[in-house]
Amino acid sequence: MPIPSLKPDGELLVSATAIALVVAIFANNMPPLADVRADAKGNVNTHKALKMAGITATAAVGSLALLGKSPTVATVGFGTILWEMWKNHFANYGADGTADNAASPTYTNG
């Protein structure tokens, strides 16, 4: 007897819930992206906040996927976590946004 799992419409609903949950976790645990980009590269506090948000979101998505017995929910949820981690990581360790903006010929101060 196969293990009962979600129907396609249920998977869509739970996947959307997983996306919303991941975005909410990152929004509540991370500083605004513009602040991360404008700060100095490699801020340790931002790195630790990013790790905590990733761990929390992984636990939340894993729980949803296990409760729903759905690999689709896991794929969509973990993909959203990867996207959020990538976005915030490269904002923290990428080029310094303040220096790049100041070097821009179209930058006006004030």
PDB file of N, CA and C in Angstrom:
ATOM      1  N   MET A   1       0.846  -1.179   0.000  1.00  0.00           N
ATOM      2  CA  MET A   1       0.000   0.000   0.000  1.00  0.00           C
ATOM      3  C   MET A   1       0.894   1.246   0.000  1.00  0.00           C
ATOM      4  N   PRO A   2       0.679   2.175  -0.943  1.00  0.00           N
ATOM      5  CA  PRO A   2       1.515   3.377  -1.005  1.00  0.00           C
ATOM      6  C   PRO A   2       1.258   4.307   0.174  1.00  0.00           C
ATOM      7  N   ILE A   3       2.272   5.078   0.494  1.00  0.00           N
ATOM      8  CA  ILE A   3       2.157   6.055   1.576  1.00  0.00           C
ATOM      9  C   ILE A   3       1.304   7.217   1.087  1.00  0.00           C
ATOM     10  N   PRO A   4       0.266   7.582   1.820  1.00  0.00           N
ATOM     11  CA  PRO A   4      -0.560   8.699   1.359  1.00  0.00           C
ATOM     12  C   PRO A   4       0.224  10.014   1.407  1.00  0.00           C
ATOM     13  N   SER A   5       0.063  10.791   0.364  1.00  0.00           N
ATOM     14  CA  SER A   5       0.736  12.085   0.305  1.00  0.00           C
ATOM     15  C   SER A   5      -0.258  13.122  -0.199  1.00  0.00           C
ATOM     16  N   LEU A   6       0.227  14.329  -0.353  1.00  0.00           N
ATOM     17  CA  LEU A   6      -0.639  15.417  -0.783  1.00  0.00           C
ATOM     18  C   LEU A   6      -1.027  15.279  -2.250  1.00  0.00           C
ATOM     19  N   LYS A   7      -2.226  15.750  -2.573  1.00  0.00           N
ATOM     20  CA  LYS A   7      -2.640  15.841  -3.975  1.00  0.00           C
ATOM     21  C   LYS A   7      -1.956  17.061  -4.578  1.00  0.00           C
ATOM     22  N   PRO A   8      -1.931  17.178  -5.895  1.00  0.00           N
ATOM     23  CA  PRO A   8      -1.240  18.313  -6.518  1.00  0.00           C
ATOM     24  C   PRO A   8      -1.714  19.687  -6.038  1.00  0.00           C
ATOM     25  N   ASP A   9      -3.015  19.864  -5.846  1.00  0.00           N
ATOM     26  CA  ASP A   9      -3.482  21.172  -5.373  1.00  0.00           C
ATOM     27  C   ASP A   9      -3.058  21.421  -3.924  1.00  0.00           C
ATOM     28  N   GLY A  10      -2.982  20.375  -3.132  1.00  0.00           N
ATOM     29  CA  GLY A  10      -2.492  20.499  -1.759  1.00  0.00           C
ATOM     30  C   GLY A  10      -1.001  20.804  -1.723  1.00  0.00           C
ATOM     31  N   GLU A  11      -0.248  20.172  -2.640  1.00  0.00           N
ATOM     32  CA  GLU A  11       1.187  20.454  -2.719  1.00  0.00           C
ATOM     33  C   GLU A  11       1.441  21.908  -3.092  1.00  0.00           C
ATOM     34  N   LEU A  12       0.626  22.447  -3.993  1.00  0.00           N
ATOM     35  CA  LEU A  12       0.772  23.838  -4.397  1.00  0.00           C
ATOM     36  C   LEU A  12       0.524  24.770  -3.219  1.00  0.00           C
ATOM     37  N   LEU A  13      -0.500  24.479  -2.453  1.00  0.00           N
ATOM     38  CA  LEU A  13      -0.839  25.314  -1.298  1.00  0.00           C
ATOM     39  C   LEU A  13       0.248  25.238  -0.216  1.00  0.00           C
ATOM     40  N   VAL A  14       0.704  24.047   0.078  1.00  0.00           N
ATOM     41  CA  VAL A  14       1.742  23.890   1.110  1.00  0.00           C
ATOM     42  C   VAL A  14       3.080  24.442   0.622  1.00  0.00           C
ATOM     43  N   SER A  15       3.366  24.333  -0.669  1.00  0.00           N
ATOM     44  CA  SER A  15       4.595  24.922  -1.216  1.00  0.00           C
ATOM     45  C   SER A  15       4.566  26.440  -1.105  1.00  0.00           C
ATOM     46  N   ALA A  16       3.415  27.032  -1.392  1.00  0.00           N
ATOM     47  CA  ALA A  16       3.280  28.487  -1.243  1.00  0.00           C
ATOM     48  C   ALA A  16       3.429  28.892   0.216  1.00  0.00           C
ATOM     49  N   THR A  17       2.909  28.079   1.111  1.00  0.00           N
ATOM     50  CA  THR A  17       3.069  28.336   2.542  1.00  0.00           C
ATOM     51  C   THR A  17       4.538  28.243   2.944  1.00  0.00           C
ATOM     52  N   ALA A  18       5.253  27.275   2.393  1.00  0.00           N
ATOM     53  CA  ALA A  18       6.684  27.130   2.691  1.00  0.00           C
ATOM     54  C   ALA A  18       7.464  28.349   2.200  1.00  0.00           C
ATOM     55  N   ILE A  19       7.136  28.839   1.014  1.00  0.00           N
ATOM     56  CA  ILE A  19       7.811  30.040   0.499  1.00  0.00           C
ATOM     57  C   ILE A  19       7.549  31.223   1.415  1.00  0.00           C
ATOM     58  N   ALA A  20       6.288  31.415   1.783  1.00  0.00           N
ATOM     59  CA  ALA A  20       5.946  32.539   2.661  1.00  0.00           C
ATOM     60  C   ALA A  20       6.637  32.416   4.014  1.00  0.00           C
ATOM     61  N   LEU A  21       6.722  31.206   4.532  1.00  0.00           N
ATOM     62  CA  LEU A  21       7.364  30.972   5.820  1.00  0.00           C
ATOM     63  C   LEU A  21       8.863  31.281   5.751  1.00  0.00           C
ATOM     64  N   VAL A  22       9.523  30.850   4.699  1.00  0.00           N
ATOM     65  CA  VAL A  22      10.960  31.107   4.544  1.00  0.00           C
ATOM     66  C   VAL A  22      11.224  32.607   4.411  1.00  0.00           C
ATOM     67  N   VAL A  23      10.447  33.279   3.580  1.00  0.00           N
ATOM     68  CA  VAL A  23      10.636  34.722   3.396  1.00  0.00           C
ATOM     69  C   VAL A  23      10.380  35.464   4.711  1.00  0.00           C
ATOM     70  N   ALA A  24       9.374  35.045   5.467  1.00  0.00           N
ATOM     71  CA  ALA A  24       9.086  35.686   6.754  1.00  0.00           C
ATOM     72  C   ALA A  24      10.213  35.451   7.766  1.00  0.00           C
ATOM     73  N   ILE A  25      10.758  34.252   7.795  1.00  0.00           N
ATOM     74  CA  ILE A  25      11.861  33.958   8.717  1.00  0.00           C
ATOM     75  C   ILE A  25      13.069  34.822   8.388  1.00  0.00           C
ATOM     76  N   PHE A  26      13.413  34.911   7.107  1.00  0.00           N
ATOM     77  CA  PHE A  26      14.558  35.734   6.725  1.00  0.00           C
ATOM     78  C   PHE A  26      14.290  37.217   6.956  1.00  0.00           C
ATOM     79  N   ALA A  27      13.064  37.656   6.731  1.00  0.00           N
ATOM     80  CA  ALA A  27      12.738  39.070   6.949  1.00  0.00           C
ATOM     81  C   ALA A  27      12.834  39.441   8.422  1.00  0.00           C
ATOM     82  N   ASN A  28      12.503  38.506   9.297  1.00  0.00           N
ATOM     83  CA  ASN A  28      12.532  38.798  10.733  1.00  0.00           C
ATOM     84  C   ASN A  28      13.911  38.604  11.355  1.00  0.00           C
ATOM     85  N   ASN A  29      14.768  37.792  10.753  1.00  0.00           N
ATOM     86  CA  ASN A  29      16.081  37.512  11.336  1.00  0.00           C
ATOM     87  C   ASN A  29      17.218  38.311  10.733  1.00  0.00           C
ATOM     88  N   MET A  30      17.018  38.870   9.557  1.00  0.00           N
ATOM     89  CA  MET A  30      18.086  39.575   8.852  1.00  0.00           C
ATOM     90  C   MET A  30      17.818  41.074   8.820  1.00  0.00           C
ATOM     91  N   PRO A  31      18.885  41.879   8.818  1.00  0.00           N
ATOM     92  CA  PRO A  31      18.685  43.315   8.591  1.00  0.00           C
ATOM     93  C   PRO A  31      18.252  43.531   7.144  1.00  0.00           C
ATOM     94  N   PRO A  32      17.705  44.707   6.836  1.00  0.00           N
ATOM     95  CA  PRO A  32      17.322  44.976   5.448  1.00  0.00           C
ATOM     96  C   PRO A  32      18.502  44.794   4.491  1.00  0.00           C
ATOM     97  N   LEU A  33      18.212  44.332   3.294  1.00  0.00           N
ATOM     98  CA  LEU A  33      19.259  44.021   2.324  1.00  0.00           C
ATOM     99  C   LEU A  33      20.090  45.256   1.974  1.00  0.00           C
ATOM    100  N   ALA A  34      19.467  46.407   1.918  1.00  0.00           N
ATOM    101  CA  ALA A  34      20.212  47.632   1.621  1.00  0.00           C
ATOM    102  C   ALA A  34      21.228  47.937   2.718  1.00  0.00           C
ATOM    103  N   ASP A  35      20.873  47.664   3.969  1.00  0.00           N
ATOM    104  CA  ASP A  35      21.812  47.878   5.072  1.00  0.00           C
ATOM    105  C   ASP A  35      22.974  46.888   5.016  1.00  0.00           C
ATOM    106  N   VAL A  36      22.675  45.650   4.657  1.00  0.00           N
ATOM    107  CA  VAL A  36      23.727  44.641   4.543  1.00  0.00           C
ATOM    108  C   VAL A  36      24.682  45.026   3.419  1.00  0.00           C
ATOM    109  N   ARG A  37      24.132  45.486   2.318  1.00  0.00           N
ATOM    110  CA  ARG A  37      24.955  45.859   1.160  1.00  0.00           C
ATOM    111  C   ARG A  37      25.818  47.082   1.465  1.00  0.00           C
ATOM    112  N   ALA A  38      25.280  48.040   2.216  1.00  0.00           N
ATOM    113  CA  ALA A  38      26.005  49.275   2.496  1.00  0.00           C
ATOM    114  C   ALA A  38      27.038  49.109   3.607  1.00  0.00           C
ATOM    115  N   ASP A  39      26.893  48.073   4.430  1.00  0.00           N
ATOM    116  CA  ASP A  39      27.823  47.854   5.534  1.00  0.00           C
ATOM    117  C   ASP A  39      29.158  47.339   5.007  1.00  0.00           C
ATOM    118  N   ALA A  40      30.145  47.301   5.884  1.00  0.00           N
ATOM    119  CA  ALA A  40      31.462  46.772   5.508  1.00  0.00           C
ATOM    120  C   ALA A  40      31.348  45.300   5.137  1.00  0.00           C
ATOM    121  N   LYS A  41      32.226  44.850   4.241  1.00  0.00           N
ATOM    122  CA  LYS A  41      32.189  43.457   3.806  1.00  0.00           C
ATOM    123  C   LYS A  41      32.508  42.517   4.966  1.00  0.00           C
ATOM    124  N   GLY A  42      31.821  41.385   5.005  1.00  0.00           N
ATOM    125  CA  GLY A  42      32.136  40.334   5.965  1.00  0.00           C
ATOM    126  C   GLY A  42      31.744  40.634   7.392  1.00  0.00           C
ATOM    127  N   ASN A  43      30.671  41.359   7.610  1.00  0.00           N
ATOM    128  CA  ASN A  43      30.216  41.645   8.966  1.00  0.00           C
ATOM    129  C   ASN A  43      29.867  40.332   9.671  1.00  0.00           C
ATOM    130  N   VAL A  44      30.491  40.081  10.812  1.00  0.00           N
ATOM    131  CA  VAL A  44      30.307  38.814  11.529  1.00  0.00           C
ATOM    132  C   VAL A  44      28.883  38.667  12.055  1.00  0.00           C
ATOM    133  N   ASN A  45      28.298  39.747  12.539  1.00  0.00           N
ATOM    134  CA  ASN A  45      26.933  39.672  13.066  1.00  0.00           C
ATOM    135  C   ASN A  45      25.930  39.346  11.968  1.00  0.00           C
ATOM    136  N   THR A  46      26.126  39.908  10.792  1.00  0.00           N
ATOM    137  CA  THR A  46      25.246  39.589   9.670  1.00  0.00           C
ATOM    138  C   THR A  46      25.415  38.134   9.264  1.00  0.00           C
ATOM    139  N   HIS A  47      26.642  37.643   9.260  1.00  0.00           N
ATOM    140  CA  HIS A  47      26.902  36.239   8.929  1.00  0.00           C
ATOM    141  C   HIS A  47      26.203  35.304   9.916  1.00  0.00           C
ATOM    142  N   LYS A  48      26.287  35.621  11.200  1.00  0.00           N
ATOM    143  CA  LYS A  48      25.647  34.778  12.215  1.00  0.00           C
ATOM    144  C   LYS A  48      24.125  34.834  12.107  1.00  0.00           C
ATOM    145  N   ALA A  49      23.580  36.011  11.807  1.00  0.00           N
ATOM    146  CA  ALA A  49      22.136  36.141  11.630  1.00  0.00           C
ATOM    147  C   ALA A  49      21.672  35.334  10.416  1.00  0.00           C
ATOM    148  N   LEU A  50      22.481  35.334   9.363  1.00  0.00           N
ATOM    149  CA  LEU A  50      22.160  34.572   8.160  1.00  0.00           C
ATOM    150  C   LEU A  50      22.165  33.071   8.443  1.00  0.00           C
ATOM    151  N   LYS A  51      23.170  32.606   9.186  1.00  0.00           N
ATOM    152  CA  LYS A  51      23.215  31.188   9.549  1.00  0.00           C
ATOM    153  C   LYS A  51      22.004  30.792  10.379  1.00  0.00           C
ATOM    154  N   MET A  52      21.632  31.635  11.340  1.00  0.00           N
ATOM    155  CA  MET A  52      20.481  31.318  12.192  1.00  0.00           C
ATOM    156  C   MET A  52      19.184  31.294  11.387  1.00  0.00           C
ATOM    157  N   ALA A  53      19.034  32.245  10.479  1.00  0.00           N
ATOM    158  CA  ALA A  53      17.831  32.254   9.638  1.00  0.00           C
ATOM    159  C   ALA A  53      17.788  31.005   8.761  1.00  0.00           C
ATOM    160  N   GLY A  54      18.929  30.601   8.222  1.00  0.00           N
ATOM    161  CA  GLY A  54      18.972  29.403   7.390  1.00  0.00           C
ATOM    162  C   GLY A  54      18.636  28.137   8.158  1.00  0.00           C
ATOM    163  N   ILE A  55      19.149  28.027   9.369  1.00  0.00           N
ATOM    164  CA  ILE A  55      18.853  26.850  10.195  1.00  0.00           C
ATOM    165  C   ILE A  55      17.378  26.806  10.573  1.00  0.00           C
ATOM    166  N   THR A  56      16.840  27.947  10.963  1.00  0.00           N
ATOM    167  CA  THR A  56      15.427  28.014  11.350  1.00  0.00           C
ATOM    168  C   THR A  56      14.524  27.686  10.170  1.00  0.00           C
ATOM    169  N   ALA A  57      14.828  28.264   9.008  1.00  0.00           N
ATOM    170  CA  ALA A  57      14.004  28.007   7.829  1.00  0.00           C
ATOM    171  C   ALA A  57      14.110  26.550   7.381  1.00  0.00           C
ATOM    172  N   THR A  58      15.296  25.959   7.501  1.00  0.00           N
ATOM    173  CA  THR A  58      15.463  24.550   7.139  1.00  0.00           C
ATOM    174  C   THR A  58      14.606  23.649   8.025  1.00  0.00           C
ATOM    175  N   ALA A  59      14.582  23.941   9.309  1.00  0.00           N
ATOM    176  CA  ALA A  59      13.748  23.156  10.230  1.00  0.00           C
ATOM    177  C   ALA A  59      12.268  23.317   9.894  1.00  0.00           C
ATOM    178  N   ALA A  60      11.850  24.532   9.572  1.00  0.00           N
ATOM    179  CA  ALA A  60      10.442  24.779   9.262  1.00  0.00           C
ATOM    180  C   ALA A  60      10.024  24.078   7.968  1.00  0.00           C
ATOM    181  N   VAL A  61      10.826  24.208   6.925  1.00  0.00           N
ATOM    182  CA  VAL A  61      10.492  23.578   5.643  1.00  0.00           C
ATOM    183  C   VAL A  61      10.581  22.061   5.758  1.00  0.00           C
ATOM    184  N   GLY A  62      11.583  21.560   6.461  1.00  0.00           N
ATOM    185  CA  GLY A  62      11.691  20.118   6.657  1.00  0.00           C
ATOM    186  C   GLY A  62      10.483  19.549   7.381  1.00  0.00           C
ATOM    187  N   SER A  63       9.999  20.263   8.381  1.00  0.00           N
ATOM    188  CA  SER A  63       8.809  19.817   9.109  1.00  0.00           C
ATOM    189  C   SER A  63       7.584  19.798   8.204  1.00  0.00           C
ATOM    190  N   LEU A  64       7.411  20.866   7.421  1.00  0.00           N
ATOM    191  CA  LEU A  64       6.272  20.897   6.490  1.00  0.00           C
ATOM    192  C   LEU A  64       6.347  19.758   5.474  1.00  0.00           C
ATOM    193  N   ALA A  65       7.531  19.522   4.930  1.00  0.00           N
ATOM    194  CA  ALA A  65       7.690  18.474   3.924  1.00  0.00           C
ATOM    195  C   ALA A  65       7.460  17.090   4.520  1.00  0.00           C
ATOM    196  N   LEU A  66       7.925  16.880   5.736  1.00  0.00           N
ATOM    197  CA  LEU A  66       7.712  15.571   6.372  1.00  0.00           C
ATOM    198  C   LEU A  66       6.250  15.359   6.756  1.00  0.00           C
ATOM    199  N   LEU A  67       5.612  16.403   7.260  1.00  0.00           N
ATOM    200  CA  LEU A  67       4.201  16.271   7.617  1.00  0.00           C
ATOM    201  C   LEU A  67       3.336  16.018   6.385  1.00  0.00           C
ATOM    202  N   GLY A  68       3.674  16.691   5.277  1.00  0.00           N
ATOM    203  CA  GLY A  68       2.909  16.511   4.054  1.00  0.00           C
ATOM    204  C   GLY A  68       3.374  15.343   3.215  1.00  0.00           C
ATOM    205  N   LYS A  69       4.496  14.721   3.583  1.00  0.00           N
ATOM    206  CA  LYS A  69       5.093  13.613   2.824  1.00  0.00           C
ATOM    207  C   LYS A  69       5.241  14.001   1.356  1.00  0.00           C
ATOM    208  N   SER A  70       5.779  15.204   1.143  1.00  0.00           N
ATOM    209  CA  SER A  70       5.839  15.736  -0.207  1.00  0.00           C
ATOM    210  C   SER A  70       7.247  16.197  -0.568  1.00  0.00           C
ATOM    211  N   PRO A  71       7.872  15.544  -1.549  1.00  0.00           N
ATOM    212  CA  PRO A  71       9.176  16.020  -2.006  1.00  0.00           C
ATOM    213  C   PRO A  71       9.072  17.351  -2.759  1.00  0.00           C
ATOM    214  N   THR A  72       7.895  17.640  -3.304  1.00  0.00           N
ATOM    215  CA  THR A  72       7.701  18.921  -3.998  1.00  0.00           C
ATOM    216  C   THR A  72       7.806  20.083  -3.028  1.00  0.00           C
ATOM    217  N   VAL A  73       7.191  19.946  -1.866  1.00  0.00           N
ATOM    218  CA  VAL A  73       7.260  20.992  -0.842  1.00  0.00           C
ATOM    219  C   VAL A  73       8.705  21.183  -0.392  1.00  0.00           C
ATOM    220  N   ALA A  74       9.426  20.081  -0.219  1.00  0.00           N
ATOM    221  CA  ALA A  74      10.829  20.168   0.185  1.00  0.00           C
ATOM    222  C   ALA A  74      11.659  20.868  -0.885  1.00  0.00           C
ATOM    223  N   THR A  75      11.457  20.514  -2.140  1.00  0.00           N
ATOM    224  CA  THR A  75      12.225  21.122  -3.230  1.00  0.00           C
ATOM    225  C   THR A  75      11.968  22.619  -3.333  1.00  0.00           C
ATOM    226  N   VAL A  76      10.708  23.009  -3.298  1.00  0.00           N
ATOM    227  CA  VAL A  76      10.363  24.431  -3.407  1.00  0.00           C
ATOM    228  C   VAL A  76      10.863  25.194  -2.183  1.00  0.00           C
ATOM    229  N   GLY A  77      10.646  24.654  -1.006  1.00  0.00           N
ATOM    230  CA  GLY A  77      11.062  25.331   0.228  1.00  0.00           C
ATOM    231  C   GLY A  77      12.570  25.470   0.351  1.00  0.00           C
ATOM    232  N   PHE A  78      13.292  24.386   0.073  1.00  0.00           N
ATOM    233  CA  PHE A  78      14.753  24.449   0.169  1.00  0.00           C
ATOM    234  C   PHE A  78      15.343  25.319  -0.941  1.00  0.00           C
ATOM    235  N   GLY A  79      14.695  25.342  -2.093  1.00  0.00           N
ATOM    236  CA  GLY A  79      15.125  26.252  -3.151  1.00  0.00           C
ATOM    237  C   GLY A  79      14.972  27.708  -2.738  1.00  0.00           C
ATOM    238  N   THR A  80      13.898  28.012  -2.035  1.00  0.00           N
ATOM    239  CA  THR A  80      13.692  29.371  -1.529  1.00  0.00           C
ATOM    240  C   THR A  80      14.744  29.716  -0.486  1.00  0.00           C
ATOM    241  N   ILE A  81      15.109  28.759   0.357  1.00  0.00           N
ATOM    242  CA  ILE A  81      16.167  28.992   1.347  1.00  0.00           C
ATOM    243  C   ILE A  81      17.489  29.278   0.637  1.00  0.00           C
ATOM    244  N   LEU A  82      17.813  28.493  -0.385  1.00  0.00           N
ATOM    245  CA  LEU A  82      19.050  28.728  -1.132  1.00  0.00           C
ATOM    246  C   LEU A  82      19.062  30.114  -1.757  1.00  0.00           C
ATOM    247  N   TRP A  83      17.940  30.533  -2.312  1.00  0.00           N
ATOM    248  CA  TRP A  83      17.855  31.853  -2.928  1.00  0.00           C
ATOM    249  C   TRP A  83      18.082  32.950  -1.891  1.00  0.00           C
ATOM    250  N   GLU A  84      17.431  32.841  -0.725  1.00  0.00           N
ATOM    251  CA  GLU A  84      17.592  33.845   0.332  1.00  0.00           C
ATOM    252  C   GLU A  84      19.026  33.850   0.870  1.00  0.00           C
ATOM    253  N   MET A  85      19.608  32.671   1.053  1.00  0.00           N
ATOM    254  CA  MET A  85      20.986  32.592   1.542  1.00  0.00           C
ATOM    255  C   MET A  85      21.947  33.210   0.534  1.00  0.00           C
ATOM    256  N   TRP A  86      21.771  32.889  -0.742  1.00  0.00           N
ATOM    257  CA  TRP A  86      22.634  33.436  -1.783  1.00  0.00           C
ATOM    258  C   TRP A  86      22.530  34.953  -1.829  1.00  0.00           C
ATOM    259  N   LYS A  87      21.313  35.459  -1.810  1.00  0.00           N
ATOM    260  CA  LYS A  87      21.086  36.901  -1.898  1.00  0.00           C
ATOM    261  C   LYS A  87      21.750  37.642  -0.740  1.00  0.00           C
ATOM    262  N   ASN A  88      21.549  37.165   0.472  1.00  0.00           N
ATOM    263  CA  ASN A  88      22.105  37.844   1.644  1.00  0.00           C
ATOM    264  C   ASN A  88      23.613  37.606   1.790  1.00  0.00           C
ATOM    265  N   HIS A  89      24.079  36.421   1.426  1.00  0.00           N
ATOM    266  CA  HIS A  89      25.512  36.138   1.537  1.00  0.00           C
ATOM    267  C   HIS A  89      26.313  37.047   0.622  1.00  0.00           C
ATOM    268  N   PHE A  90      25.901  37.178  -0.614  1.00  0.00           N
ATOM    269  CA  PHE A  90      26.663  38.000  -1.548  1.00  0.00           C
ATOM    270  C   PHE A  90      26.455  39.486  -1.312  1.00  0.00           C
ATOM    271  N   ALA A  91      25.375  39.857  -0.619  1.00  0.00           N
ATOM    272  CA  ALA A  91      25.247  41.254  -0.199  1.00  0.00           C
ATOM    273  C   ALA A  91      26.250  41.539   0.917  1.00  0.00           C
ATOM    274  N   ASN A  92      26.501  40.533   1.767  1.00  0.00           N
ATOM    275  CA  ASN A  92      27.422  40.709   2.894  1.00  0.00           C
ATOM    276  C   ASN A  92      28.889  40.600   2.458  1.00  0.00           C
ATOM    277  N   TYR A  93      29.193  39.696   1.542  1.00  0.00           N
ATOM    278  CA  TYR A  93      30.582  39.459   1.163  1.00  0.00           C
ATOM    279  C   TYR A  93      30.946  39.993  -0.215  1.00  0.00           C
ATOM    280  N   GLY A  94      29.979  40.570  -0.921  1.00  0.00           N
ATOM    281  CA  GLY A  94      30.250  41.098  -2.252  1.00  0.00           C
ATOM    282  C   GLY A  94      30.948  42.446  -2.185  1.00  0.00           C
ATOM    283  N   ALA A  95      30.900  43.152  -3.278  1.00  0.00           N
ATOM    284  CA  ALA A  95      31.525  44.474  -3.349  1.00  0.00           C
ATOM    285  C   ALA A  95      30.844  45.409  -2.356  1.00  0.00           C
ATOM    286  N   ASP A  96      31.625  46.306  -1.794  1.00  0.00           N
ATOM    287  CA  ASP A  96      31.100  47.267  -0.821  1.00  0.00           C
ATOM    288  C   ASP A  96      30.177  48.244  -1.541  1.00  0.00           C
ATOM    289  N   GLY A  97      28.904  48.223  -1.193  1.00  0.00           N
ATOM    290  CA  GLY A  97      27.919  49.050  -1.878  1.00  0.00           C
ATOM    291  C   GLY A  97      28.163  50.529  -1.731  1.00  0.00           C
ATOM    292  N   THR A  98      28.609  50.978  -0.574  1.00  0.00           N
ATOM    293  CA  THR A  98      28.855  52.398  -0.371  1.00  0.00           C
ATOM    294  C   THR A  98      30.005  52.876  -1.241  1.00  0.00           C
ATOM    295  N   ALA A  99      31.090  52.122  -1.288  1.00  0.00           N
ATOM    296  CA  ALA A  99      32.235  52.506  -2.117  1.00  0.00           C
ATOM    297  C   ALA A  99      31.873  52.468  -3.601  1.00  0.00           C
ATOM    298  N   ASP A 100      31.093  51.457  -4.007  1.00  0.00           N
ATOM    299  CA  ASP A 100      30.693  51.375  -5.410  1.00  0.00           C
ATOM    300  C   ASP A 100      29.797  52.549  -5.789  1.00  0.00           C
ATOM    301  N   ASN A 101      28.884  52.917  -4.922  1.00  0.00           N
ATOM    302  CA  ASN A 101      27.991  54.032  -5.218  1.00  0.00           C
ATOM    303  C   ASN A 101      28.758  55.350  -5.262  1.00  0.00           C
ATOM    304  N   ALA A 102      29.704  55.524  -4.345  1.00  0.00           N
ATOM    305  CA  ALA A 102      30.479  56.764  -4.313  1.00  0.00           C
ATOM    306  C   ALA A 102      31.363  56.893  -5.552  1.00  0.00           C
ATOM    307  N   ALA A 103      31.806  55.771  -6.096  1.00  0.00           N
ATOM    308  CA  ALA A 103      32.669  55.798  -7.273  1.00  0.00           C
ATOM    309  C   ALA A 103      31.873  55.983  -8.561  1.00  0.00           C
ATOM    310  N   SER A 104      30.557  55.823  -8.472  1.00  0.00           N
ATOM    311  CA  SER A 104      29.714  55.932  -9.654  1.00  0.00           C
ATOM    312  C   SER A 104      29.655  57.386 -10.137  1.00  0.00           C
ATOM    313  N   PRO A 105      29.742  57.615 -11.446  1.00  0.00           N
ATOM    314  CA  PRO A 105      29.707  58.991 -11.943  1.00  0.00           C
ATOM    315  C   PRO A 105      28.338  59.647 -11.759  1.00  0.00           C
ATOM    316  N   THR A 106      27.281  58.856 -11.552  1.00  0.00           N
ATOM    317  CA  THR A 106      25.949  59.443 -11.386  1.00  0.00           C
ATOM    318  C   THR A 106      25.578  59.628  -9.921  1.00  0.00           C
ATOM    319  N   TYR A 107      26.495  59.322  -9.006  1.00  0.00           N
ATOM    320  CA  TYR A 107      26.213  59.429  -7.578  1.00  0.00           C
ATOM    321  C   TYR A 107      26.231  60.891  -7.141  1.00  0.00           C
ATOM    322  N   THR A 108      25.160  61.280  -6.442  1.00  0.00           N
ATOM    323  CA  THR A 108      25.106  62.623  -5.862  1.00  0.00           C
ATOM    324  C   THR A 108      24.869  62.498  -4.375  1.00  0.00           C
ATOM    325  N   ASN A 109      25.646  63.195  -3.608  1.00  0.00           N
ATOM    326  CA  ASN A 109      25.529  63.129  -2.160  1.00  0.00           C
ATOM    327  C   ASN A 109      24.627  64.271  -1.685  1.00  0.00           C
ATOM    328  N   GLY A 110      23.365  63.919  -1.390  1.00  0.00           N
ATOM    329  CA  GLY A 110      22.457  64.917  -0.860  1.00  0.00           C
ATOM    330  C   GLY A 110      21.463  65.246  -1.855  1.00  0.00           C
TER     331      GLY A 110
END
